[in-house]
């Protein structure tokens, strides 16, 4: 886990605290922010609403603190607010892609 300034990181998931939200983003029913393609592990919130597309542009809206859980990482507490979610990407000469978990 890394928390520097207004950023919280859990593996390949980066949460930028107190960011605006795309007003056209649609809420999702699930709270999973990223799923591992290799291990099938997942980064999932215990509360709040997730907007946007899994693995792409996402925002979380929390009225109260929520935990971000993953099978291989420490559980993190995310404070209330509107936060942007980014998935770490990696470069290869063939393509830019999400990091495989």
PDB file of N, CA and C in Angstrom:
ATOM      1  N   UNK A   1       0.841  -1.176   0.000  1.00  0.00           N
ATOM      2  CA  UNK A   1       0.000   0.000   0.000  1.00  0.00           C
ATOM      3  C   UNK A   1       0.882   1.232   0.000  1.00  0.00           C
ATOM      4  N   UNK A   2       0.494   2.196  -0.793  1.00  0.00           N
ATOM      5  CA  UNK A   2       1.199   3.462  -0.836  1.00  0.00           C
ATOM      6  C   UNK A   2       0.183   4.578  -0.702  1.00  0.00           C
ATOM      7  N   UNK A   3       0.480   5.540   0.165  1.00  0.00           N
ATOM      8  CA  UNK A   3      -0.357   6.739   0.242  1.00  0.00           C
ATOM      9  C   UNK A   3       0.590   7.925   0.224  1.00  0.00           C
ATOM     10  N   UNK A   4       0.552   8.663  -0.871  1.00  0.00           N
ATOM     11  CA  UNK A   4       1.418   9.822  -1.022  1.00  0.00           C
ATOM     12  C   UNK A   4       0.555  10.966  -1.520  1.00  0.00           C
ATOM     13  N   UNK A   5       0.546  12.049  -0.766  1.00  0.00           N
ATOM     14  CA  UNK A   5      -0.294  13.193  -1.083  1.00  0.00           C
ATOM     15  C   UNK A   5      -1.752  12.746  -1.193  1.00  0.00           C
ATOM     16  N   UNK A   6      -2.337  12.847  -2.359  1.00  0.00           N
ATOM     17  CA  UNK A   6      -3.739  12.477  -2.510  1.00  0.00           C
ATOM     18  C   UNK A   6      -3.912  11.210  -3.329  1.00  0.00           C
ATOM     19  N   UNK A   7      -2.985  10.267  -3.188  1.00  0.00           N
ATOM     20  CA  UNK A   7      -3.030   9.025  -3.953  1.00  0.00           C
ATOM     21  C   UNK A   7      -2.945   7.830  -3.014  1.00  0.00           C
ATOM     22  N   UNK A   8      -3.821   6.861  -3.246  1.00  0.00           N
ATOM     23  CA  UNK A   8      -3.762   5.583  -2.537  1.00  0.00           C
ATOM     24  C   UNK A   8      -3.596   4.513  -3.593  1.00  0.00           C
ATOM     25  N   UNK A   9      -2.679   3.586  -3.348  1.00  0.00           N
ATOM     26  CA  UNK A   9      -2.403   2.548  -4.342  1.00  0.00           C
ATOM     27  C   UNK A   9      -2.468   1.174  -3.691  1.00  0.00           C
ATOM     28  N   UNK A  10      -3.122   0.256  -4.386  1.00  0.00           N
ATOM     29  CA  UNK A  10      -3.171  -1.146  -3.973  1.00  0.00           C
ATOM     30  C   UNK A  10      -2.874  -1.969  -5.223  1.00  0.00           C
ATOM     31  N   UNK A  11      -1.653  -2.491  -5.308  1.00  0.00           N
ATOM     32  CA  UNK A  11      -1.263  -3.230  -6.499  1.00  0.00           C
ATOM     33  C   UNK A  11      -1.339  -2.341  -7.723  1.00  0.00           C
ATOM     34  N   UNK A  12      -2.083  -2.769  -8.740  1.00  0.00           N
ATOM     35  CA  UNK A  12      -2.192  -1.995  -9.975  1.00  0.00           C
ATOM     36  C   UNK A  12      -3.357  -1.014  -9.979  1.00  0.00           C
ATOM     37  N   UNK A  13      -4.046  -0.872  -8.852  1.00  0.00           N
ATOM     38  CA  UNK A  13      -5.158   0.085  -8.727  1.00  0.00           C
ATOM     39  C   UNK A  13      -4.650   1.344  -8.031  1.00  0.00           C
ATOM     40  N   UNK A  14      -4.883   2.484  -8.665  1.00  0.00           N
ATOM     41  CA  UNK A  14      -4.487   3.780  -8.123  1.00  0.00           C
ATOM     42  C   UNK A  14      -5.750   4.604  -7.915  1.00  0.00           C
ATOM     43  N   UNK A  15      -5.921   5.116  -6.699  1.00  0.00           N
ATOM     44  CA  UNK A  15      -7.084   5.955  -6.382  1.00  0.00           C
ATOM     45  C   UNK A  15      -6.579   7.361  -6.109  1.00  0.00           C
ATOM     46  N   UNK A  16      -7.074   8.308  -6.896  1.00  0.00           N
ATOM     47  CA  UNK A  16      -6.708   9.707  -6.731  1.00  0.00           C
ATOM     48  C   UNK A  16      -7.842  10.370  -5.963  1.00  0.00           C
ATOM     49  N   UNK A  17      -7.529  10.807  -4.755  1.00  0.00           N
ATOM     50  CA  UNK A  17      -8.551  11.315  -3.844  1.00  0.00           C
ATOM     51  C   UNK A  17      -9.079  12.683  -4.272  1.00  0.00           C
ATOM     52  N   UNK A  18     -10.347  12.900  -3.962  1.00  0.00           N
ATOM     53  CA  UNK A  18     -11.015  14.192  -4.117  1.00  0.00           C
ATOM     54  C   UNK A  18     -10.927  14.745  -5.532  1.00  0.00           C
ATOM     55  N   UNK A  19     -11.318  13.932  -6.493  1.00  0.00           N
ATOM     56  CA  UNK A  19     -11.354  14.335  -7.902  1.00  0.00           C
ATOM     57  C   UNK A  19     -12.796  14.472  -8.346  1.00  0.00           C
ATOM     58  N   UNK A  20     -13.007  15.257  -9.368  1.00  0.00           N
ATOM     59  CA  UNK A  20     -14.341  15.380  -9.936  1.00  0.00           C
ATOM     60  C   UNK A  20     -14.720  14.104 -10.667  1.00  0.00           C
ATOM     61  N   UNK A  21     -15.961  13.999 -11.002  1.00  0.00           N
ATOM     62  CA  UNK A  21     -16.485  12.796 -11.663  1.00  0.00           C
ATOM     63  C   UNK A  21     -17.107  13.193 -12.990  1.00  0.00           C
ATOM     64  N   UNK A  22     -16.979  12.346 -13.982  1.00  0.00           N
ATOM     65  CA  UNK A  22     -17.640  12.559 -15.261  1.00  0.00           C
ATOM     66  C   UNK A  22     -19.147  12.504 -15.019  1.00  0.00           C
ATOM     67  N   UNK A  23     -19.874  13.594 -15.304  1.00  0.00           N
ATOM     68  CA  UNK A  23     -21.316  13.600 -15.026  1.00  0.00           C
ATOM     69  C   UNK A  23     -22.096  12.604 -15.885  1.00  0.00           C
ATOM     70  N   UNK A  24     -21.496  12.124 -16.973  1.00  0.00           N
ATOM     71  CA  UNK A  24     -22.171  11.158 -17.835  1.00  0.00           C
ATOM     72  C   UNK A  24     -21.878   9.712 -17.456  1.00  0.00           C
ATOM     73  N   UNK A  25     -20.988   9.498 -16.495  1.00  0.00           N
ATOM     74  CA  UNK A  25     -20.648   8.129 -16.085  1.00  0.00           C
ATOM     75  C   UNK A  25     -21.847   7.477 -15.406  1.00  0.00           C
ATOM     76  N   UNK A  26     -22.071   6.241 -15.750  1.00  0.00           N
ATOM     77  CA  UNK A  26     -23.216   5.497 -15.211  1.00  0.00           C
ATOM     78  C   UNK A  26     -22.792   4.693 -13.986  1.00  0.00           C
ATOM     79  N   UNK A  27     -23.659   4.648 -12.956  1.00  0.00           N
ATOM     80  CA  UNK A  27     -23.341   3.825 -11.781  1.00  0.00           C
ATOM     81  C   UNK A  27     -23.409   2.343 -12.136  1.00  0.00           C
ATOM     82  N   UNK A  28     -22.582   1.557 -11.445  1.00  0.00           N
ATOM     83  CA  UNK A  28     -22.578   0.112 -11.643  1.00  0.00           C
ATOM     84  C   UNK A  28     -23.176  -0.572 -10.419  1.00  0.00           C
ATOM     85  N   UNK A  29     -23.640  -1.781 -10.597  1.00  0.00           N
ATOM     86  CA  UNK A  29     -24.196  -2.554  -9.479  1.00  0.00           C
ATOM     87  C   UNK A  29     -23.099  -3.165  -8.622  1.00  0.00           C
ATOM     88  N   UNK A  30     -21.976  -3.516  -9.244  1.00  0.00           N
ATOM     89  CA  UNK A  30     -20.902  -4.150  -8.477  1.00  0.00           C
ATOM     90  C   UNK A  30     -19.898  -3.097  -8.007  1.00  0.00           C
ATOM     91  N   UNK A  31     -19.039  -3.479  -7.093  1.00  0.00           N
ATOM     92  CA  UNK A  31     -18.035  -2.576  -6.535  1.00  0.00           C
ATOM     93  C   UNK A  31     -16.614  -3.047  -6.862  1.00  0.00           C
ATOM     94  N   UNK A  32     -16.466  -3.875  -7.869  1.00  0.00           N
ATOM     95  CA  UNK A  32     -15.144  -4.365  -8.250  1.00  0.00           C
ATOM     96  C   UNK A  32     -14.476  -3.338  -9.153  1.00  0.00           C
ATOM     97  N   UNK A  33     -13.240  -2.946  -8.786  1.00  0.00           N
ATOM     98  CA  UNK A  33     -12.502  -1.944  -9.547  1.00  0.00           C
ATOM     99  C   UNK A  33     -11.581  -2.578 -10.583  1.00  0.00           C
ATOM    100  N   UNK A  34     -11.082  -3.789 -10.295  1.00  0.00           N
ATOM    101  CA  UNK A  34     -10.195  -4.492 -11.242  1.00  0.00           C
ATOM    102  C   UNK A  34     -10.246  -5.975 -10.934  1.00  0.00           C
ATOM    103  N   UNK A  35     -10.133  -6.779 -11.998  1.00  0.00           N
ATOM    104  CA  UNK A  35     -10.085  -8.235 -11.860  1.00  0.00           C
ATOM    105  C   UNK A  35      -8.791  -8.740 -12.475  1.00  0.00           C
ATOM    106  N   UNK A  36      -8.161  -9.691 -11.792  1.00  0.00           N
ATOM    107  CA  UNK A  36      -6.945 -10.283 -12.315  1.00  0.00           C
ATOM    108  C   UNK A  36      -7.244 -11.212 -13.473  1.00  0.00           C
ATOM    109  N   UNK A  37      -6.519 -11.019 -14.564  1.00  0.00           N
ATOM    110  CA  UNK A  37      -6.725 -11.862 -15.732  1.00  0.00           C
ATOM    111  C   UNK A  37      -6.081 -13.234 -15.549  1.00  0.00           C
ATOM    112  N   UNK A  38      -5.006 -13.280 -14.772  1.00  0.00           N
ATOM    113  CA  UNK A  38      -4.280 -14.535 -14.579  1.00  0.00           C
ATOM    114  C   UNK A  38      -4.786 -15.267 -13.342  1.00  0.00           C
ATOM    115  N   UNK A  39      -4.890 -14.549 -12.218  1.00  0.00           N
ATOM    116  CA  UNK A  39      -5.218 -15.171 -10.931  1.00  0.00           C
ATOM    117  C   UNK A  39      -6.701 -15.144 -10.604  1.00  0.00           C
ATOM    118  N   UNK A  40      -7.466 -14.296 -11.284  1.00  0.00           N
ATOM    119  CA  UNK A  40      -8.883 -14.090 -11.001  1.00  0.00           C
ATOM    120  C   UNK A  40      -9.118 -13.407  -9.655  1.00  0.00           C
ATOM    121  N   UNK A  41      -8.059 -12.869  -9.036  1.00  0.00           N
ATOM    122  CA  UNK A  41      -8.235 -12.061  -7.834  1.00  0.00           C
ATOM    123  C   UNK A  41      -8.863 -10.733  -8.237  1.00  0.00           C
ATOM    124  N   UNK A  42      -9.403 -10.001  -7.264  1.00  0.00           N
ATOM    125  CA  UNK A  42     -10.081  -8.753  -7.599  1.00  0.00           C
ATOM    126  C   UNK A  42      -9.898  -7.717  -6.509  1.00  0.00           C
ATOM    127  N   UNK A  43      -9.939  -6.455  -6.912  1.00  0.00           N
ATOM    128  CA  UNK A  43      -9.907  -5.301  -6.009  1.00  0.00           C
ATOM    129  C   UNK A  43     -11.352  -4.835  -5.890  1.00  0.00           C
ATOM    130  N   UNK A  44     -11.931  -4.941  -4.695  1.00  0.00           N
ATOM    131  CA  UNK A  44     -13.353  -4.663  -4.514  1.00  0.00           C
ATOM    132  C   UNK A  44     -13.579  -3.780  -3.295  1.00  0.00           C
ATOM    133  N   UNK A  45     -14.488  -2.805  -3.423  1.00  0.00           N
ATOM    134  CA  UNK A  45     -14.888  -1.942  -2.308  1.00  0.00           C
ATOM    135  C   UNK A  45     -15.968  -2.617  -1.483  1.00  0.00           C
ATOM    136  N   UNK A  46     -16.004  -2.306  -0.188  1.00  0.00           N
ATOM    137  CA  UNK A  46     -17.028  -2.863   0.697  1.00  0.00           C
ATOM    138  C   UNK A  46     -18.265  -1.972   0.782  1.00  0.00           C
ATOM    139  N   UNK A  47     -18.184  -0.741   0.279  1.00  0.00           N
ATOM    140  CA  UNK A  47     -19.320   0.193   0.334  1.00  0.00           C
ATOM    141  C   UNK A  47     -19.151   1.221  -0.773  1.00  0.00           C
ATOM    142  N   UNK A  48     -20.145   2.065  -0.938  1.00  0.00           N
ATOM    143  CA  UNK A  48     -20.060   3.141  -1.911  1.00  0.00           C
ATOM    144  C   UNK A  48     -20.603   2.747  -3.263  1.00  0.00           C
ATOM    145  N   UNK A  49     -20.477   3.670  -4.208  1.00  0.00           N
ATOM    146  CA  UNK A  49     -20.953   3.463  -5.567  1.00  0.00           C
ATOM    147  C   UNK A  49     -19.793   3.634  -6.529  1.00  0.00           C
ATOM    148  N   UNK A  50     -19.708   2.734  -7.502  1.00  0.00           N
ATOM    149  CA  UNK A  50     -18.682   2.803  -8.542  1.00  0.00           C
ATOM    150  C   UNK A  50     -19.355   3.259  -9.831  1.00  0.00           C
ATOM    151  N   UNK A  51     -18.735   4.221 -10.497  1.00  0.00           N
ATOM    152  CA  UNK A  51     -19.217   4.739 -11.778  1.00  0.00           C
ATOM    153  C   UNK A  51     -18.172   4.435 -12.842  1.00  0.00           C
ATOM    154  N   UNK A  52     -18.628   4.251 -14.073  1.00  0.00           N
ATOM    155  CA  UNK A  52     -17.702   4.035 -15.174  1.00  0.00           C
ATOM    156  C   UNK A  52     -17.610   2.567 -15.546  1.00  0.00           C
ATOM    157  N   UNK A  53     -16.558   2.234 -16.289  1.00  0.00           N
ATOM    158  CA  UNK A  53     -16.392   0.909 -16.867  1.00  0.00           C
ATOM    159  C   UNK A  53     -15.267   0.154 -16.175  1.00  0.00           C
ATOM    160  N   UNK A  54     -15.511  -1.091 -15.816  1.00  0.00           N
ATOM    161  CA  UNK A  54     -14.501  -1.927 -15.176  1.00  0.00           C
ATOM    162  C   UNK A  54     -13.230  -1.940 -16.014  1.00  0.00           C
ATOM    163  N   UNK A  55     -12.099  -1.640 -15.379  1.00  0.00           N
ATOM    164  CA  UNK A  55     -10.822  -1.665 -16.062  1.00  0.00           C
ATOM    165  C   UNK A  55     -10.531  -0.442 -16.911  1.00  0.00           C
ATOM    166  N   UNK A  56     -11.473   0.500 -16.979  1.00  0.00           N
ATOM    167  CA  UNK A  56     -11.264   1.719 -17.763  1.00  0.00           C
ATOM    168  C   UNK A  56     -11.454   2.921 -16.828  1.00  0.00           C
ATOM    169  N   UNK A  57     -12.055   4.006 -17.324  1.00  0.00           N
ATOM    170  CA  UNK A  57     -12.288   5.163 -16.470  1.00  0.00           C
ATOM    171  C   UNK A  57     -13.347   4.833 -15.435  1.00  0.00           C
ATOM    172  N   UNK A  58     -12.982   5.061 -14.168  1.00  0.00           N
ATOM    173  CA  UNK A  58     -13.910   4.780 -13.071  1.00  0.00           C
ATOM    174  C   UNK A  58     -13.788   5.862 -12.002  1.00  0.00           C
ATOM    175  N   UNK A  59     -14.873   6.045 -11.268  1.00  0.00           N
ATOM    176  CA  UNK A  59     -14.901   6.931 -10.112  1.00  0.00           C
ATOM    177  C   UNK A  59     -15.635   6.202  -9.005  1.00  0.00           C
ATOM    178  N   UNK A  60     -15.256   6.510  -7.765  1.00  0.00           N
ATOM    179  CA  UNK A  60     -16.000   5.970  -6.631  1.00  0.00           C
ATOM    180  C   UNK A  60     -16.538   7.137  -5.813  1.00  0.00           C
ATOM    181  N   UNK A  61     -17.746   6.970  -5.310  1.00  0.00           N
ATOM    182  CA  UNK A  61     -18.380   7.981  -4.480  1.00  0.00           C
ATOM    183  C   UNK A  61     -18.688   7.320  -3.144  1.00  0.00           C
ATOM    184  N   UNK A  62     -18.076   7.870  -2.090  1.00  0.00           N
ATOM    185  CA  UNK A  62     -18.231   7.301  -0.750  1.00  0.00           C
ATOM    186  C   UNK A  62     -18.801   8.351   0.195  1.00  0.00           C
ATOM    187  N   UNK A  63     -19.912   8.015   0.863  1.00  0.00           N
ATOM    188  CA  UNK A  63     -20.477   8.881   1.896  1.00  0.00           C
ATOM    189  C   UNK A  63     -19.829   8.619   3.248  1.00  0.00           C
ATOM    190  N   UNK A  64     -19.196   7.463   3.363  1.00  0.00           N
ATOM    191  CA  UNK A  64     -18.503   7.072   4.594  1.00  0.00           C
ATOM    192  C   UNK A  64     -17.260   6.284   4.184  1.00  0.00           C
ATOM    193  N   UNK A  65     -16.309   6.079   5.088  1.00  0.00           N
ATOM    194  CA  UNK A  65     -15.128   5.304   4.718  1.00  0.00           C
ATOM    195  C   UNK A  65     -15.524   3.900   4.242  1.00  0.00           C
ATOM    196  N   UNK A  66     -14.759   3.373   3.298  1.00  0.00           N
ATOM    197  CA  UNK A  66     -14.974   2.017   2.788  1.00  0.00           C
ATOM    198  C   UNK A  66     -13.622   1.321   2.709  1.00  0.00           C
ATOM    199  N   UNK A  67     -13.655   0.006   2.716  1.00  0.00           N
ATOM    200  CA  UNK A  67     -12.416  -0.750   2.595  1.00  0.00           C
ATOM    201  C   UNK A  67     -12.256  -1.239   1.161  1.00  0.00           C
ATOM    202  N   UNK A  68     -11.008  -1.245   0.702  1.00  0.00           N
ATOM    203  CA  UNK A  68     -10.660  -1.828  -0.586  1.00  0.00           C
ATOM    204  C   UNK A  68      -9.938  -3.134  -0.274  1.00  0.00           C
ATOM    205  N   UNK A  69     -10.526  -4.245  -0.696  1.00  0.00           N
ATOM    206  CA  UNK A  69      -9.988  -5.568  -0.357  1.00  0.00           C
ATOM    207  C   UNK A  69      -9.457  -6.278  -1.598  1.00  0.00           C
ATOM    208  N   UNK A  70      -8.467  -7.124  -1.369  1.00  0.00           N
ATOM    209  CA  UNK A  70      -7.841  -7.946  -2.410  1.00  0.00           C
ATOM    210  C   UNK A  70      -7.241  -9.158  -1.711  1.00  0.00           C
ATOM    211  N   UNK A  71      -7.231 -10.278  -2.393  1.00  0.00           N
ATOM    212  CA  UNK A  71      -6.777 -11.526  -1.790  1.00  0.00           C
ATOM    213  C   UNK A  71      -5.283 -11.532  -1.459  1.00  0.00           C
ATOM    214  N   UNK A  72      -4.472 -10.729  -2.134  1.00  0.00           N
ATOM    215  CA  UNK A  72      -3.022 -10.765  -1.914  1.00  0.00           C
ATOM    216  C   UNK A  72      -2.441  -9.461  -1.378  1.00  0.00           C
ATOM    217  N   UNK A  73      -3.286  -8.456  -1.106  1.00  0.00           N
ATOM    218  CA  UNK A  73      -2.806  -7.169  -0.619  1.00  0.00           C
ATOM    219  C   UNK A  73      -3.464  -6.853   0.717  1.00  0.00           C
ATOM    220  N   UNK A  74      -2.823  -5.963   1.472  1.00  0.00           N
ATOM    221  CA  UNK A  74      -3.436  -5.483   2.707  1.00  0.00           C
ATOM    222  C   UNK A  74      -4.722  -4.733   2.373  1.00  0.00           C
ATOM    223  N   UNK A  75      -5.712  -4.835   3.247  1.00  0.00           N
ATOM    224  CA  UNK A  75      -6.961  -4.085   3.090  1.00  0.00           C
ATOM    225  C   UNK A  75      -6.680  -2.617   3.385  1.00  0.00           C
ATOM    226  N   UNK A  76      -7.215  -1.736   2.548  1.00  0.00           N
ATOM    227  CA  UNK A  76      -7.024  -0.296   2.716  1.00  0.00           C
ATOM    228  C   UNK A  76      -8.340   0.375   3.035  1.00  0.00           C
ATOM    229  N   UNK A  77      -8.294   1.435   3.824  1.00  0.00           N
ATOM    230  CA  UNK A  77      -9.478   2.239   4.103  1.00  0.00           C
ATOM    231  C   UNK A  77      -9.438   3.470   3.217  1.00  0.00           C
ATOM    232  N   UNK A  78     -10.510   3.672   2.468  1.00  0.00           N
ATOM    233  CA  UNK A  78     -10.639   4.812   1.561  1.00  0.00           C
ATOM    234  C   UNK A  78     -11.562   5.823   2.223  1.00  0.00           C
ATOM    235  N   UNK A  79     -11.147   7.092   2.330  1.00  0.00           N
ATOM    236  CA  UNK A  79     -11.983   8.089   3.007  1.00  0.00           C
ATOM    237  C   UNK A  79     -13.188   8.497   2.161  1.00  0.00           C
ATOM    238  N   UNK A  80     -14.185   9.128   2.791  1.00  0.00           N
ATOM    239  CA  UNK A  80     -15.342   9.619   2.038  1.00  0.00           C
ATOM    240  C   UNK A  80     -14.918  10.634   0.984  1.00  0.00           C
ATOM    241  N   UNK A  81     -15.694  10.713  -0.085  1.00  0.00           N
ATOM    242  CA  UNK A  81     -15.429  11.697  -1.129  1.00  0.00           C
ATOM    243  C   UNK A  81     -15.682  11.111  -2.504  1.00  0.00           C
ATOM    244  N   UNK A  82     -15.355  11.896  -3.519  1.00  0.00           N
ATOM    245  CA  UNK A  82     -15.440  11.461  -4.918  1.00  0.00           C
ATOM    246  C   UNK A  82     -14.010  11.273  -5.394  1.00  0.00           C
ATOM    247  N   UNK A  83     -13.666  10.057  -5.779  1.00  0.00           N
ATOM    248  CA  UNK A  83     -12.294   9.711  -6.112  1.00  0.00           C
ATOM    249  C   UNK A  83     -12.217   9.070  -7.491  1.00  0.00           C
ATOM    250  N   UNK A  84     -11.159   9.396  -8.219  1.00  0.00           N
ATOM    251  CA  UNK A  84     -10.923   8.787  -9.528  1.00  0.00           C
ATOM    252  C   UNK A  84     -10.114   7.507  -9.351  1.00  0.00           C
ATOM    253  N   UNK A  85     -10.439   6.493 -10.136  1.00  0.00           N
ATOM    254  CA  UNK A  85      -9.733   5.215 -10.095  1.00  0.00           C
ATOM    255  C   UNK A  85      -8.997   5.038 -11.415  1.00  0.00           C
ATOM    256  N   UNK A  86      -7.717   4.711 -11.325  1.00  0.00           N
ATOM    257  CA  UNK A  86      -6.938   4.406 -12.519  1.00  0.00           C
ATOM    258  C   UNK A  86      -6.298   3.038 -12.345  1.00  0.00           C
ATOM    259  N   UNK A  87      -6.147   2.340 -13.456  1.00  0.00           N
ATOM    260  CA  UNK A  87      -5.488   1.038 -13.462  1.00  0.00           C
ATOM    261  C   UNK A  87      -4.121   1.230 -14.094  1.00  0.00           C
ATOM    262  N   UNK A  88      -3.072   0.768 -13.398  1.00  0.00           N
ATOM    263  CA  UNK A  88      -1.725   0.919 -13.915  1.00  0.00           C
ATOM    264  C   UNK A  88      -1.611   0.218 -15.263  1.00  0.00           C
ATOM    265  N   UNK A  89      -0.900   0.872 -16.158  1.00  0.00           N
ATOM    266  CA  UNK A  89      -0.708   0.311 -17.484  1.00  0.00           C
ATOM    267  C   UNK A  89       0.781   0.093 -17.711  1.00  0.00           C
ATOM    268  N   UNK A  90       1.104  -0.776 -18.646  1.00  0.00           N
ATOM    269  CA  UNK A  90       2.496  -1.024 -18.979  1.00  0.00           C
ATOM    270  C   UNK A  90       2.681  -0.901 -20.486  1.00  0.00           C
ATOM    271  N   UNK A  91       3.883  -0.564 -20.867  1.00  0.00           N
ATOM    272  CA  UNK A  91       4.185  -0.378 -22.277  1.00  0.00           C
ATOM    273  C   UNK A  91       4.960  -1.568 -22.812  1.00  0.00           C
ATOM    274  N   UNK A  92       4.612  -1.977 -24.000  1.00  0.00           N
ATOM    275  CA  UNK A  92       5.429  -2.913 -24.765  1.00  0.00           C
ATOM    276  C   UNK A  92       5.468  -2.358 -26.181  1.00  0.00           C
ATOM    277  N   UNK A  93       6.444  -2.739 -26.988  1.00  0.00           N
ATOM    278  CA  UNK A  93       6.502  -2.195 -28.353  1.00  0.00           C
ATOM    279  C   UNK A  93       5.244  -2.494 -29.174  1.00  0.00           C
ATOM    280  N   UNK A  94       4.522  -3.543 -28.837  1.00  0.00           N
ATOM    281  CA  UNK A  94       3.335  -3.907 -29.596  1.00  0.00           C
ATOM    282  C   UNK A  94       2.087  -3.122 -29.170  1.00  0.00           C
ATOM    283  N   UNK A  95       1.999  -2.760 -27.855  1.00  0.00           N
ATOM    284  CA  UNK A  95       0.792  -2.124 -27.374  1.00  0.00           C
ATOM    285  C   UNK A  95       0.977  -1.572 -25.967  1.00  0.00           C
ATOM    286  N   UNK A  96       0.087  -0.655 -25.583  1.00  0.00           N
ATOM    287  CA  UNK A  96      -0.018  -0.217 -24.199  1.00  0.00           C
ATOM    288  C   UNK A  96      -1.169  -1.009 -23.616  1.00  0.00           C
ATOM    289  N   UNK A  97      -0.957  -1.663 -22.464  1.00  0.00           N
ATOM    290  CA  UNK A  97      -1.992  -2.535 -21.908  1.00  0.00           C
ATOM    291  C   UNK A  97      -2.040  -2.414 -20.393  1.00  0.00           C
ATOM    292  N   UNK A  98      -3.160  -2.851 -19.817  1.00  0.00           N
ATOM    293  CA  UNK A  98      -3.262  -2.905 -18.373  1.00  0.00           C
ATOM    294  C   UNK A  98      -2.284  -3.927 -17.857  1.00  0.00           C
ATOM    295  N   UNK A  99      -1.776  -3.712 -16.648  1.00  0.00           N
ATOM    296  CA  UNK A  99      -0.868  -4.668 -16.029  1.00  0.00           C
ATOM    297  C   UNK A  99      -1.631  -5.943 -15.729  1.00  0.00           C
ATOM    298  N   UNK A 100      -1.074  -7.085 -16.069  1.00  0.00           N
ATOM    299  CA  UNK A 100      -1.718  -8.371 -15.773  1.00  0.00           C
ATOM    300  C   UNK A 100      -1.516  -8.698 -14.310  1.00  0.00           C
ATOM    301  N   UNK A 101      -2.581  -9.058 -13.609  1.00  0.00           N
ATOM    302  CA  UNK A 101      -2.543  -9.371 -12.181  1.00  0.00           C
ATOM    303  C   UNK A 101      -2.588 -10.865 -12.015  1.00  0.00           C
TER     304      UNK A 101
END
